[in-house]
Amino acid sequence: MEKWVSDFVRTAIALKASGLRTSNDNNLFVQIDTEELGARLKTNGGLTEMMTYVALADNFSIRSTWESSEIAIQTLQEMRAEKNA
């Protein structure tokens, strides 16, 4: 896979992990560990799904990249819940 694909997905993961807003809603989230999120996504297949989506899509965004992988969304939500607990 081309390097720009992994760079883009890595950026998408880092933005979500930072807790910054990536859409027009007003939700702010807790910051979580970027490396741990990436490791979990690599283990559970979410990273591969996201990278495949970016590599094949004609148009994509941070949001659509995350929406391409239900596993990735669940992992992100679980890590946020763990941090909030």
PDB file of N, CA and C in Angstrom:
ATOM      1  N   MET A   1       0.838  -1.170   0.000  1.00  0.00           N
ATOM      2  CA  MET A   1       0.000   0.000   0.000  1.00  0.00           C
ATOM      3  C   MET A   1       0.893   1.246   0.000  1.00  0.00           C
ATOM      4  N   GLU A   2       0.446   2.285  -0.653  1.00  0.00           N
ATOM      5  CA  GLU A   2       1.250   3.495  -0.758  1.00  0.00           C
ATOM      6  C   GLU A   2       1.384   4.202   0.590  1.00  0.00           C
ATOM      7  N   LYS A   3       2.516   4.863   0.772  1.00  0.00           N
ATOM      8  CA  LYS A   3       2.819   5.517   2.040  1.00  0.00           C
ATOM      9  C   LYS A   3       1.801   6.588   2.406  1.00  0.00           C
ATOM     10  N   TRP A   4       1.297   7.333   1.428  1.00  0.00           N
ATOM     11  CA  TRP A   4       0.338   8.395   1.732  1.00  0.00           C
ATOM     12  C   TRP A   4      -0.921   7.847   2.372  1.00  0.00           C
ATOM     13  N   VAL A   5      -1.302   6.609   2.021  1.00  0.00           N
ATOM     14  CA  VAL A   5      -2.498   5.991   2.613  1.00  0.00           C
ATOM     15  C   VAL A   5      -2.281   5.791   4.110  1.00  0.00           C
ATOM     16  N   SER A   6      -1.156   5.193   4.476  1.00  0.00           N
ATOM     17  CA  SER A   6      -0.889   4.968   5.898  1.00  0.00           C
ATOM     18  C   SER A   6      -0.700   6.295   6.630  1.00  0.00           C
ATOM     19  N   ASP A   7      -0.111   7.279   5.976  1.00  0.00           N
ATOM     20  CA  ASP A   7       0.049   8.600   6.595  1.00  0.00           C
ATOM     21  C   ASP A   7      -1.308   9.239   6.881  1.00  0.00           C
ATOM     22  N   PHE A   8      -2.219   9.149   5.915  1.00  0.00           N
ATOM     23  CA  PHE A   8      -3.547   9.736   6.104  1.00  0.00           C
ATOM     24  C   PHE A   8      -4.294   9.035   7.234  1.00  0.00           C
ATOM     25  N   VAL A   9      -4.278   7.713   7.237  1.00  0.00           N
ATOM     26  CA  VAL A   9      -4.992   6.963   8.274  1.00  0.00           C
ATOM     27  C   VAL A   9      -4.363   7.229   9.638  1.00  0.00           C
ATOM     28  N   ARG A  10      -3.055   7.307   9.696  1.00  0.00           N
ATOM     29  CA  ARG A  10      -2.369   7.622  10.953  1.00  0.00           C
ATOM     30  C   ARG A  10      -2.820   8.991  11.470  1.00  0.00           C
ATOM     31  N   THR A  11      -2.970   9.955  10.572  1.00  0.00           N
ATOM     32  CA  THR A  11      -3.445  11.283  10.951  1.00  0.00           C
ATOM     33  C   THR A  11      -4.887  11.225  11.450  1.00  0.00           C
ATOM     34  N   ALA A  12      -5.724  10.451  10.776  1.00  0.00           N
ATOM     35  CA  ALA A  12      -7.124  10.301  11.200  1.00  0.00           C
ATOM     36  C   ALA A  12      -7.199   9.708  12.604  1.00  0.00           C
ATOM     37  N   ILE A  13      -6.355   8.739  12.895  1.00  0.00           N
ATOM     38  CA  ILE A  13      -6.323   8.115  14.217  1.00  0.00           C
ATOM     39  C   ILE A  13      -5.840   9.124  15.259  1.00  0.00           C
ATOM     40  N   ALA A  14      -4.800   9.855  14.931  1.00  0.00           N
ATOM     41  CA  ALA A  14      -4.252  10.841  15.877  1.00  0.00           C
ATOM     42  C   ALA A  14      -5.268  11.941  16.192  1.00  0.00           C
ATOM     43  N   LEU A  15      -6.012  12.396  15.189  1.00  0.00           N
ATOM     44  CA  LEU A  15      -7.014  13.432  15.428  1.00  0.00           C
ATOM     45  C   LEU A  15      -8.121  12.943  16.349  1.00  0.00           C
ATOM     46  N   LYS A  16      -8.612  11.742  16.108  1.00  0.00           N
ATOM     47  CA  LYS A  16      -9.663  11.200  16.975  1.00  0.00           C
ATOM     48  C   LYS A  16      -9.139  10.959  18.385  1.00  0.00           C
ATOM     49  N   ALA A  17      -7.933  10.474  18.498  1.00  0.00           N
ATOM     50  CA  ALA A  17      -7.349  10.203  19.817  1.00  0.00           C
ATOM     51  C   ALA A  17      -7.142  11.492  20.605  1.00  0.00           C
ATOM     52  N   SER A  18      -6.910  12.593  19.903  1.00  0.00           N
ATOM     53  CA  SER A  18      -6.663  13.873  20.578  1.00  0.00           C
ATOM     54  C   SER A  18      -7.917  14.441  21.228  1.00  0.00           C
ATOM     55  N   GLY A  19      -9.085  13.962  20.811  1.00  0.00           N
ATOM     56  CA  GLY A  19     -10.335  14.467  21.362  1.00  0.00           C
ATOM     57  C   GLY A  19     -10.873  15.679  20.623  1.00  0.00           C
ATOM     58  N   LEU A  20     -10.158  16.140  19.590  1.00  0.00           N
ATOM     59  CA  LEU A  20     -10.618  17.292  18.819  1.00  0.00           C
ATOM     60  C   LEU A  20     -11.862  16.952  18.013  1.00  0.00           C
ATOM     61  N   ARG A  21     -12.656  17.971  17.730  1.00  0.00           N
ATOM     62  CA  ARG A  21     -13.839  17.767  16.895  1.00  0.00           C
ATOM     63  C   ARG A  21     -13.407  17.520  15.456  1.00  0.00           C
ATOM     64  N   THR A  22     -14.031  16.548  14.816  1.00  0.00           N
ATOM     65  CA  THR A  22     -13.734  16.277  13.407  1.00  0.00           C
ATOM     66  C   THR A  22     -15.000  16.395  12.557  1.00  0.00           C
ATOM     67  N   SER A  23     -16.046  16.985  13.130  1.00  0.00           N
ATOM     68  CA  SER A  23     -17.283  17.235  12.398  1.00  0.00           C
ATOM     69  C   SER A  23     -17.900  18.517  12.949  1.00  0.00           C
ATOM     70  N   ASN A  24     -19.050  18.873  12.452  1.00  0.00           N
ATOM     71  CA  ASN A  24     -19.680  20.130  12.845  1.00  0.00           C
ATOM     72  C   ASN A  24     -20.454  20.059  14.156  1.00  0.00           C
ATOM     73  N   ASP A  25     -20.531  18.889  14.770  1.00  0.00           N
ATOM     74  CA  ASP A  25     -21.231  18.831  16.058  1.00  0.00           C
ATOM     75  C   ASP A  25     -20.348  19.458  17.140  1.00  0.00           C
ATOM     76  N   ASN A  26     -20.909  19.663  18.290  1.00  0.00           N
ATOM     77  CA  ASN A  26     -20.183  20.346  19.352  1.00  0.00           C
ATOM     78  C   ASN A  26     -19.565  19.400  20.367  1.00  0.00           C
ATOM     79  N   ASN A  27     -19.504  18.132  20.045  1.00  0.00           N
ATOM     80  CA  ASN A  27     -18.967  17.160  20.986  1.00  0.00           C
ATOM     81  C   ASN A  27     -17.454  17.267  21.109  1.00  0.00           C
ATOM     82  N   LEU A  28     -16.994  17.361  22.339  1.00  0.00           N
ATOM     83  CA  LEU A  28     -15.573  17.265  22.638  1.00  0.00           C
ATOM     84  C   LEU A  28     -15.376  15.983  23.423  1.00  0.00           C
ATOM     85  N   PHE A  29     -14.286  15.302  23.184  1.00  0.00           N
ATOM     86  CA  PHE A  29     -14.060  14.009  23.814  1.00  0.00           C
ATOM     87  C   PHE A  29     -12.762  14.017  24.591  1.00  0.00           C
ATOM     88  N   VAL A  30     -12.636  13.052  25.490  1.00  0.00           N
ATOM     89  CA  VAL A  30     -11.399  12.929  26.253  1.00  0.00           C
ATOM     90  C   VAL A  30     -10.280  12.486  25.316  1.00  0.00           C
ATOM     91  N   GLN A  31      -9.080  12.872  25.666  1.00  0.00           N
ATOM     92  CA  GLN A  31      -7.915  12.465  24.893  1.00  0.00           C
ATOM     93  C   GLN A  31      -7.528  11.050  25.306  1.00  0.00           C
ATOM     94  N   ILE A  32      -7.211  10.221  24.321  1.00  0.00           N
ATOM     95  CA  ILE A  32      -6.762   8.859  24.596  1.00  0.00           C
ATOM     96  C   ILE A  32      -5.400   8.647  23.955  1.00  0.00           C
ATOM     97  N   ASP A  33      -4.744   7.579  24.325  1.00  0.00           N
ATOM     98  CA  ASP A  33      -3.400   7.297  23.832  1.00  0.00           C
ATOM     99  C   ASP A  33      -3.429   6.876  22.364  1.00  0.00           C
ATOM    100  N   THR A  34      -2.775   7.661  21.530  1.00  0.00           N
ATOM    101  CA  THR A  34      -2.749   7.402  20.089  1.00  0.00           C
ATOM    102  C   THR A  34      -2.098   6.061  19.761  1.00  0.00           C
ATOM    103  N   GLU A  35      -0.984   5.781  20.411  1.00  0.00           N
ATOM    104  CA  GLU A  35      -0.260   4.533  20.131  1.00  0.00           C
ATOM    105  C   GLU A  35      -1.091   3.312  20.510  1.00  0.00           C
ATOM    106  N   GLU A  36      -1.772   3.401  21.653  1.00  0.00           N
ATOM    107  CA  GLU A  36      -2.605   2.268  22.079  1.00  0.00           C
ATOM    108  C   GLU A  36      -3.791   2.078  21.140  1.00  0.00           C
ATOM    109  N   LEU A  37      -4.421   3.187  20.730  1.00  0.00           N
ATOM    110  CA  LEU A  37      -5.533   3.088  19.779  1.00  0.00           C
ATOM    111  C   LEU A  37      -5.051   2.442  18.483  1.00  0.00           C
ATOM    112  N   GLY A  38      -3.924   2.899  17.968  1.00  0.00           N
ATOM    113  CA  GLY A  38      -3.380   2.317  16.744  1.00  0.00           C
ATOM    114  C   GLY A  38      -3.066   0.836  16.890  1.00  0.00           C
ATOM    115  N   ALA A  39      -2.507   0.465  18.035  1.00  0.00           N
ATOM    116  CA  ALA A  39      -2.173  -0.943  18.277  1.00  0.00           C
ATOM    117  C   ALA A  39      -3.427  -1.805  18.332  1.00  0.00           C
ATOM    118  N   ARG A  40      -4.457  -1.301  19.003  1.00  0.00           N
ATOM    119  CA  ARG A  40      -5.714  -2.065  19.071  1.00  0.00           C
ATOM    120  C   ARG A  40      -6.348  -2.209  17.697  1.00  0.00           C
ATOM    121  N   LEU A  41      -6.305  -1.131  16.911  1.00  0.00           N
ATOM    122  CA  LEU A  41      -6.878  -1.194  15.564  1.00  0.00           C
ATOM    123  C   LEU A  41      -6.089  -2.148  14.669  1.00  0.00           C
ATOM    124  N   LYS A  42      -4.800  -2.204  14.865  1.00  0.00           N
ATOM    125  CA  LYS A  42      -3.976  -3.135  14.088  1.00  0.00           C
ATOM    126  C   LYS A  42      -4.331  -4.571  14.455  1.00  0.00           C
ATOM    127  N   THR A  43      -4.524  -4.812  15.735  1.00  0.00           N
ATOM    128  CA  THR A  43      -4.837  -6.159  16.218  1.00  0.00           C
ATOM    129  C   THR A  43      -6.219  -6.634  15.776  1.00  0.00           C
ATOM    130  N   ASN A  44      -7.212  -5.739  15.852  1.00  0.00           N
ATOM    131  CA  ASN A  44      -8.586  -6.182  15.574  1.00  0.00           C
ATOM    132  C   ASN A  44      -9.029  -6.011  14.119  1.00  0.00           C
ATOM    133  N   GLY A  45      -8.162  -5.508  13.266  1.00  0.00           N
ATOM    134  CA  GLY A  45      -8.479  -5.400  11.847  1.00  0.00           C
ATOM    135  C   GLY A  45      -9.049  -4.055  11.420  1.00  0.00           C
ATOM    136  N   GLY A  46      -9.342  -3.183  12.371  1.00  0.00           N
ATOM    137  CA  GLY A  46      -9.885  -1.878  12.029  1.00  0.00           C
ATOM    138  C   GLY A  46      -8.932  -1.046  11.188  1.00  0.00           C
ATOM    139  N   LEU A  47      -7.660  -1.135  11.501  1.00  0.00           N
ATOM    140  CA  LEU A  47      -6.651  -0.386  10.747  1.00  0.00           C
ATOM    141  C   LEU A  47      -6.629  -0.825   9.286  1.00  0.00           C
ATOM    142  N   THR A  48      -6.677  -2.105   9.053  1.00  0.00           N
ATOM    143  CA  THR A  48      -6.678  -2.630   7.685  1.00  0.00           C
ATOM    144  C   THR A  48      -7.916  -2.172   6.934  1.00  0.00           C
ATOM    145  N   GLU A  49      -9.076  -2.198   7.600  1.00  0.00           N
ATOM    146  CA  GLU A  49     -10.310  -1.743   6.947  1.00  0.00           C
ATOM    147  C   GLU A  49     -10.210  -0.275   6.543  1.00  0.00           C
ATOM    148  N   MET A  50      -9.689   0.545   7.442  1.00  0.00           N
ATOM    149  CA  MET A  50      -9.571   1.970   7.159  1.00  0.00           C
ATOM    150  C   MET A  50      -8.578   2.228   6.026  1.00  0.00           C
ATOM    151  N   MET A  51      -7.451   1.548   6.050  1.00  0.00           N
ATOM    152  CA  MET A  51      -6.440   1.740   5.008  1.00  0.00           C
ATOM    153  C   MET A  51      -6.953   1.270   3.650  1.00  0.00           C
ATOM    154  N   THR A  52      -7.660   0.171   3.625  1.00  0.00           N
ATOM    155  CA  THR A  52      -8.227  -0.338   2.374  1.00  0.00           C
ATOM    156  C   THR A  52      -9.240   0.650   1.816  1.00  0.00           C
ATOM    157  N   TYR A  53     -10.069   1.200   2.698  1.00  0.00           N
ATOM    158  CA  TYR A  53     -11.057   2.190   2.266  1.00  0.00           C
ATOM    159  C   TYR A  53     -10.374   3.395   1.616  1.00  0.00           C
ATOM    160  N   VAL A  54      -9.382   3.962   2.281  1.00  0.00           N
ATOM    161  CA  VAL A  54      -8.695   5.150   1.744  1.00  0.00           C
ATOM    162  C   VAL A  54      -8.014   4.820   0.410  1.00  0.00           C
ATOM    163  N   ALA A  55      -7.410   3.660   0.325  1.00  0.00           N
ATOM    164  CA  ALA A  55      -6.707   3.279  -0.896  1.00  0.00           C
ATOM    165  C   ALA A  55      -7.650   3.127  -2.091  1.00  0.00           C
ATOM    166  N   LEU A  56      -8.895   2.717  -1.833  1.00  0.00           N
ATOM    167  CA  LEU A  56      -9.826   2.424  -2.920  1.00  0.00           C
ATOM    168  C   LEU A  56     -10.843   3.518  -3.200  1.00  0.00           C
ATOM    169  N   ALA A  57     -11.086   4.403  -2.248  1.00  0.00           N
ATOM    170  CA  ALA A  57     -12.126   5.420  -2.399  1.00  0.00           C
ATOM    171  C   ALA A  57     -11.677   6.552  -3.323  1.00  0.00           C
ATOM    172  N   ASP A  58     -12.610   7.045  -4.120  1.00  0.00           N
ATOM    173  CA  ASP A  58     -12.321   8.205  -4.960  1.00  0.00           C
ATOM    174  C   ASP A  58     -12.250   9.474  -4.121  1.00  0.00           C
ATOM    175  N   ASN A  59     -13.144   9.581  -3.167  1.00  0.00           N
ATOM    176  CA  ASN A  59     -13.187  10.723  -2.255  1.00  0.00           C
ATOM    177  C   ASN A  59     -13.288  10.189  -0.833  1.00  0.00           C
ATOM    178  N   PHE A  60     -12.559  10.804   0.067  1.00  0.00           N
ATOM    179  CA  PHE A  60     -12.611  10.362   1.462  1.00  0.00           C
ATOM    180  C   PHE A  60     -12.276  11.531   2.368  1.00  0.00           C
ATOM    181  N   SER A  61     -12.672  11.391   3.607  1.00  0.00           N
ATOM    182  CA  SER A  61     -12.403  12.412   4.612  1.00  0.00           C
ATOM    183  C   SER A  61     -12.024  11.695   5.909  1.00  0.00           C
ATOM    184  N   ILE A  62     -11.664  12.470   6.913  1.00  0.00           N
ATOM    185  CA  ILE A  62     -11.387  11.872   8.222  1.00  0.00           C
ATOM    186  C   ILE A  62     -12.625  11.108   8.686  1.00  0.00           C
ATOM    187  N   ARG A  63     -13.770  11.761   8.583  1.00  0.00           N
ATOM    188  CA  ARG A  63     -15.019  11.140   9.046  1.00  0.00           C
ATOM    189  C   ARG A  63     -15.351   9.871   8.260  1.00  0.00           C
ATOM    190  N   SER A  64     -15.307   9.945   6.932  1.00  0.00           N
ATOM    191  CA  SER A  64     -15.669   8.765   6.138  1.00  0.00           C
ATOM    192  C   SER A  64     -14.676   7.630   6.346  1.00  0.00           C
ATOM    193  N   THR A  65     -13.430   7.977   6.622  1.00  0.00           N
ATOM    194  CA  THR A  65     -12.431   6.942   6.898  1.00  0.00           C
ATOM    195  C   THR A  65     -12.808   6.177   8.157  1.00  0.00           C
ATOM    196  N   TRP A  66     -13.199   6.889   9.201  1.00  0.00           N
ATOM    197  CA  TRP A  66     -13.641   6.214  10.429  1.00  0.00           C
ATOM    198  C   TRP A  66     -14.926   5.442  10.198  1.00  0.00           C
ATOM    199  N   GLU A  67     -15.854   6.025   9.468  1.00  0.00           N
ATOM    200  CA  GLU A  67     -17.134   5.363   9.214  1.00  0.00           C
ATOM    201  C   GLU A  67     -16.980   4.105   8.364  1.00  0.00           C
ATOM    202  N   SER A  68     -15.850   3.946   7.722  1.00  0.00           N
ATOM    203  CA  SER A  68     -15.618   2.762   6.889  1.00  0.00           C
ATOM    204  C   SER A  68     -15.361   1.508   7.719  1.00  0.00           C
ATOM    205  N   SER A  69     -15.143   1.676   9.019  1.00  0.00           N
ATOM    206  CA  SER A  69     -14.814   0.529   9.869  1.00  0.00           C
ATOM    207  C   SER A  69     -15.594   0.569  11.181  1.00  0.00           C
ATOM    208  N   GLU A  70     -16.607  -0.251  11.271  1.00  0.00           N
ATOM    209  CA  GLU A  70     -17.392  -0.342  12.506  1.00  0.00           C
ATOM    210  C   GLU A  70     -16.513  -0.791  13.673  1.00  0.00           C
ATOM    211  N   ILE A  71     -15.570  -1.669  13.394  1.00  0.00           N
ATOM    212  CA  ILE A  71     -14.638  -2.139  14.435  1.00  0.00           C
ATOM    213  C   ILE A  71     -13.832  -0.968  14.988  1.00  0.00           C
ATOM    214  N   ALA A  72     -13.374  -0.091  14.116  1.00  0.00           N
ATOM    215  CA  ALA A  72     -12.587   1.065  14.550  1.00  0.00           C
ATOM    216  C   ALA A  72     -13.419   1.995  15.422  1.00  0.00           C
ATOM    217  N   ILE A  73     -14.664   2.239  15.023  1.00  0.00           N
ATOM    218  CA  ILE A  73     -15.547   3.099  15.813  1.00  0.00           C
ATOM    219  C   ILE A  73     -15.788   2.490  17.185  1.00  0.00           C
ATOM    220  N   GLN A  74     -16.070   1.203  17.232  1.00  0.00           N
ATOM    221  CA  GLN A  74     -16.296   0.528  18.517  1.00  0.00           C
ATOM    222  C   GLN A  74     -15.057   0.607  19.406  1.00  0.00           C
ATOM    223  N   THR A  75     -13.900   0.419  18.822  1.00  0.00           N
ATOM    224  CA  THR A  75     -12.647   0.484  19.579  1.00  0.00           C
ATOM    225  C   THR A  75     -12.443   1.878  20.161  1.00  0.00           C
ATOM    226  N   LEU A  76     -12.671   2.900  19.352  1.00  0.00           N
ATOM    227  CA  LEU A  76     -12.547   4.278  19.812  1.00  0.00           C
ATOM    228  C   LEU A  76     -13.520   4.545  20.958  1.00  0.00           C
ATOM    229  N   GLN A  77     -14.764   4.127  20.806  1.00  0.00           N
ATOM    230  CA  GLN A  77     -15.764   4.339  21.852  1.00  0.00           C
ATOM    231  C   GLN A  77     -15.403   3.599  23.140  1.00  0.00           C
ATOM    232  N   GLU A  78     -14.898   2.382  23.011  1.00  0.00           N
ATOM    233  CA  GLU A  78     -14.486   1.611  24.187  1.00  0.00           C
ATOM    234  C   GLU A  78     -13.341   2.298  24.922  1.00  0.00           C
ATOM    235  N   MET A  79     -12.364   2.792  24.180  1.00  0.00           N
ATOM    236  CA  MET A  79     -11.231   3.458  24.817  1.00  0.00           C
ATOM    237  C   MET A  79     -11.662   4.756  25.496  1.00  0.00           C
ATOM    238  N   ARG A  80     -12.578   5.481  24.878  1.00  0.00           N
ATOM    239  CA  ARG A  80     -13.097   6.703  25.534  1.00  0.00           C
ATOM    240  C   ARG A  80     -13.841   6.361  26.811  1.00  0.00           C
ATOM    241  N   ALA A  81     -14.646   5.288  26.755  1.00  0.00           N
ATOM    242  CA  ALA A  81     -15.380   4.858  27.949  1.00  0.00           C
ATOM    243  C   ALA A  81     -14.430   4.428  29.058  1.00  0.00           C
ATOM    244  N   GLU A  82     -13.370   3.716  28.710  1.00  0.00           N
ATOM    245  CA  GLU A  82     -12.367   3.300  29.690  1.00  0.00           C
ATOM    246  C   GLU A  82     -11.724   4.523  30.356  1.00  0.00           C
ATOM    247  N   LYS A  83     -11.430   5.523  29.544  1.00  0.00           N
ATOM    248  CA  LYS A  83     -10.782   6.737  30.061  1.00  0.00           C
ATOM    249  C   LYS A  83     -11.746   7.513  30.973  1.00  0.00           C
ATOM    250  N   ASN A  84     -13.023   7.483  30.644  1.00  0.00           N
ATOM    251  CA  ASN A  84     -14.037   8.200  31.433  1.00  0.00           C
ATOM    252  C   ASN A  84     -14.413   7.467  32.717  1.00  0.00           C
ATOM    253  N   ALA A  85     -14.105   6.192  32.793  1.00  0.00           N
ATOM    254  CA  ALA A  85     -14.527   5.369  33.955  1.00  0.00           C
ATOM    255  C   ALA A  85     -13.747   5.721  35.211  1.00  0.00           C
TER     256      ALA A  85
END
